[in-house]
Amino acid sequence: VGELMGGSQREERLDVLEDRLQEMGLPKDPYWWYLDLRRYGSVPHSGFGLGFERLVQFSTGVDNIRDVIPFPRYPGSAEF
């Protein structure tokens, strides 16, 4: 079926973020704004998401998720 629910928590420790950037070989300059958020005031925060279509698929026993999506989303389907 796949993942019904997922969650994460943002890393709020500046030193851990800077160490990770260095480990990955990424420059700090493009991330200045994100690092500043942690440097000048951020609180631990997290969230979760529930895949509604996957929940419907799981609860109804339908084999293919495409059969439970009420409003299909695919490239080119939105009219602008």
C-alpha atoms as a PDB file:
ATOM      1  CA  VAL A   1       0.000   0.000   0.000  1.00  0.00           C
ATOM      2  CA  GLY A   2       2.796   2.430   0.787  1.00  0.00           C
ATOM      3  CA  GLU A   3       2.976   5.081   3.419  1.00  0.00           C
ATOM      4  CA  LEU A   4      -0.295   6.112   5.047  1.00  0.00           C
ATOM      5  CA  MET A   5       1.168   8.806   7.250  1.00  0.00           C
ATOM      6  CA  GLY A   6       4.512  10.568   7.475  1.00  0.00           C
ATOM      7  CA  GLY A   7       6.088  13.070   9.799  1.00  0.00           C
ATOM      8  CA  SER A   8       9.258  14.975  10.442  1.00  0.00           C
ATOM      9  CA  GLN A   9      10.891  17.495  12.724  1.00  0.00           C
ATOM     10  CA  ARG A  10      13.131  20.291  11.515  1.00  0.00           C
ATOM     11  CA  GLU A  11      16.669  20.410  12.837  1.00  0.00           C
ATOM     12  CA  GLU A  12      16.861  23.495  15.059  1.00  0.00           C
ATOM     13  CA  ARG A  13      20.507  23.187  16.170  1.00  0.00           C
ATOM     14  CA  LEU A  14      22.677  25.551  14.142  1.00  0.00           C
ATOM     15  CA  ASP A  15      25.914  23.662  14.780  1.00  0.00           C
ATOM     16  CA  VAL A  16      24.390  20.398  13.543  1.00  0.00           C
ATOM     17  CA  LEU A  17      23.131  22.082  10.356  1.00  0.00           C
ATOM     18  CA  GLU A  18      26.515  23.667   9.652  1.00  0.00           C
ATOM     19  CA  ASP A  19      28.315  20.368  10.276  1.00  0.00           C
ATOM     20  CA  ARG A  20      25.939  18.568   7.927  1.00  0.00           C
ATOM     21  CA  LEU A  21      26.469  21.137   5.175  1.00  0.00           C
ATOM     22  CA  GLN A  22      30.200  20.615   5.527  1.00  0.00           C
ATOM     23  CA  GLU A  23      29.815  16.800   5.486  1.00  0.00           C
ATOM     24  CA  MET A  24      27.796  17.006   2.269  1.00  0.00           C
ATOM     25  CA  GLY A  25      30.279  19.404   0.680  1.00  0.00           C
ATOM     26  CA  LEU A  26      27.644  22.099   0.209  1.00  0.00           C
ATOM     27  CA  PRO A  27      28.459  25.815   0.339  1.00  0.00           C
ATOM     28  CA  LYS A  28      26.883  27.820   3.168  1.00  0.00           C
ATOM     29  CA  ASP A  29      26.161  30.908   1.061  1.00  0.00           C
ATOM     30  CA  PRO A  30      22.942  29.670  -0.604  1.00  0.00           C
ATOM     31  CA  TYR A  31      21.612  28.619   2.805  1.00  0.00           C
ATOM     32  CA  TRP A  32      22.368  31.877   4.650  1.00  0.00           C
ATOM     33  CA  TRP A  33      18.687  32.666   5.173  1.00  0.00           C
ATOM     34  CA  TYR A  34      17.922  29.214   6.573  1.00  0.00           C
ATOM     35  CA  LEU A  35      20.921  29.313   8.899  1.00  0.00           C
ATOM     36  CA  ASP A  36      19.919  32.802  10.062  1.00  0.00           C
ATOM     37  CA  LEU A  37      16.482  31.486  11.000  1.00  0.00           C
ATOM     38  CA  ARG A  38      18.201  29.068  13.369  1.00  0.00           C
ATOM     39  CA  ARG A  39      20.796  31.590  14.515  1.00  0.00           C
ATOM     40  CA  TYR A  40      18.391  34.396  15.478  1.00  0.00           C
ATOM     41  CA  GLY A  41      15.418  32.589  16.819  1.00  0.00           C
ATOM     42  CA  SER A  42      13.692  29.403  15.983  1.00  0.00           C
ATOM     43  CA  VAL A  43      11.847  26.897  18.057  1.00  0.00           C
ATOM     44  CA  PRO A  44      11.604  23.158  17.548  1.00  0.00           C
ATOM     45  CA  HIS A  45       8.729  22.450  15.209  1.00  0.00           C
ATOM     46  CA  SER A  46       7.404  19.454  13.373  1.00  0.00           C
ATOM     47  CA  GLY A  47       4.421  18.178  11.496  1.00  0.00           C
ATOM     48  CA  PHE A  48       2.781  15.237   9.808  1.00  0.00           C
ATOM     49  CA  GLY A  49       0.759  14.498   6.745  1.00  0.00           C
ATOM     50  CA  LEU A  50      -1.873  11.895   6.035  1.00  0.00           C
ATOM     51  CA  GLY A  51      -2.177  10.574   2.486  1.00  0.00           C
ATOM     52  CA  PHE A  52      -5.944  10.679   2.052  1.00  0.00           C
ATOM     53  CA  GLU A  53      -5.943   8.633  -1.150  1.00  0.00           C
ATOM     54  CA  ARG A  54      -3.769   5.959   0.457  1.00  0.00           C
ATOM     55  CA  LEU A  55      -6.102   5.854   3.465  1.00  0.00           C
ATOM     56  CA  VAL A  56      -9.101   5.372   1.156  1.00  0.00           C
ATOM     57  CA  GLN A  57      -7.204   2.695  -0.778  1.00  0.00           C
ATOM     58  CA  PHE A  58      -6.276   0.875   2.436  1.00  0.00           C
ATOM     59  CA  SER A  59      -9.747   1.055   3.975  1.00  0.00           C
ATOM     60  CA  THR A  60     -11.592  -0.018   0.806  1.00  0.00           C
ATOM     61  CA  GLY A  61      -9.133  -2.692  -0.325  1.00  0.00           C
ATOM     62  CA  VAL A  62      -8.786  -1.219  -3.824  1.00  0.00           C
ATOM     63  CA  ASP A  63      -5.615  -2.512  -5.503  1.00  0.00           C
ATOM     64  CA  ASN A  64      -4.598   0.550  -7.515  1.00  0.00           C
ATOM     65  CA  ILE A  65      -4.378   4.013  -5.962  1.00  0.00           C
ATOM     66  CA  ARG A  66      -5.423   5.573  -9.273  1.00  0.00           C
ATOM     67  CA  ASP A  67      -8.883   4.122  -8.733  1.00  0.00           C
ATOM     68  CA  VAL A  68      -9.469   6.076  -5.518  1.00  0.00           C
ATOM     69  CA  ILE A  69      -8.125   9.512  -6.494  1.00  0.00           C
ATOM     70  CA  PRO A  70     -11.180  11.797  -6.850  1.00  0.00           C
ATOM     71  CA  PHE A  71      -9.345  14.564  -8.723  1.00  0.00           C
ATOM     72  CA  PRO A  72      -6.367  13.083 -10.587  1.00  0.00           C
ATOM     73  CA  ARG A  73      -3.232  15.208 -10.737  1.00  0.00           C
ATOM     74  CA  TYR A  74      -0.792  14.689 -13.568  1.00  0.00           C
ATOM     75  CA  PRO A  75       1.423  16.924 -15.691  1.00  0.00           C
ATOM     76  CA  GLY A  76      -0.615  19.074 -18.038  1.00  0.00           C
ATOM     77  CA  SER A  77      -3.952  18.487 -16.289  1.00  0.00           C
ATOM     78  CA  ALA A  78      -4.246  22.006 -14.831  1.00  0.00           C
ATOM     79  CA  GLU A  79      -5.638  24.644 -17.132  1.00  0.00           C
ATOM     80  CA  PHE A  80      -4.058  28.059 -16.624  1.00  0.00           C
END
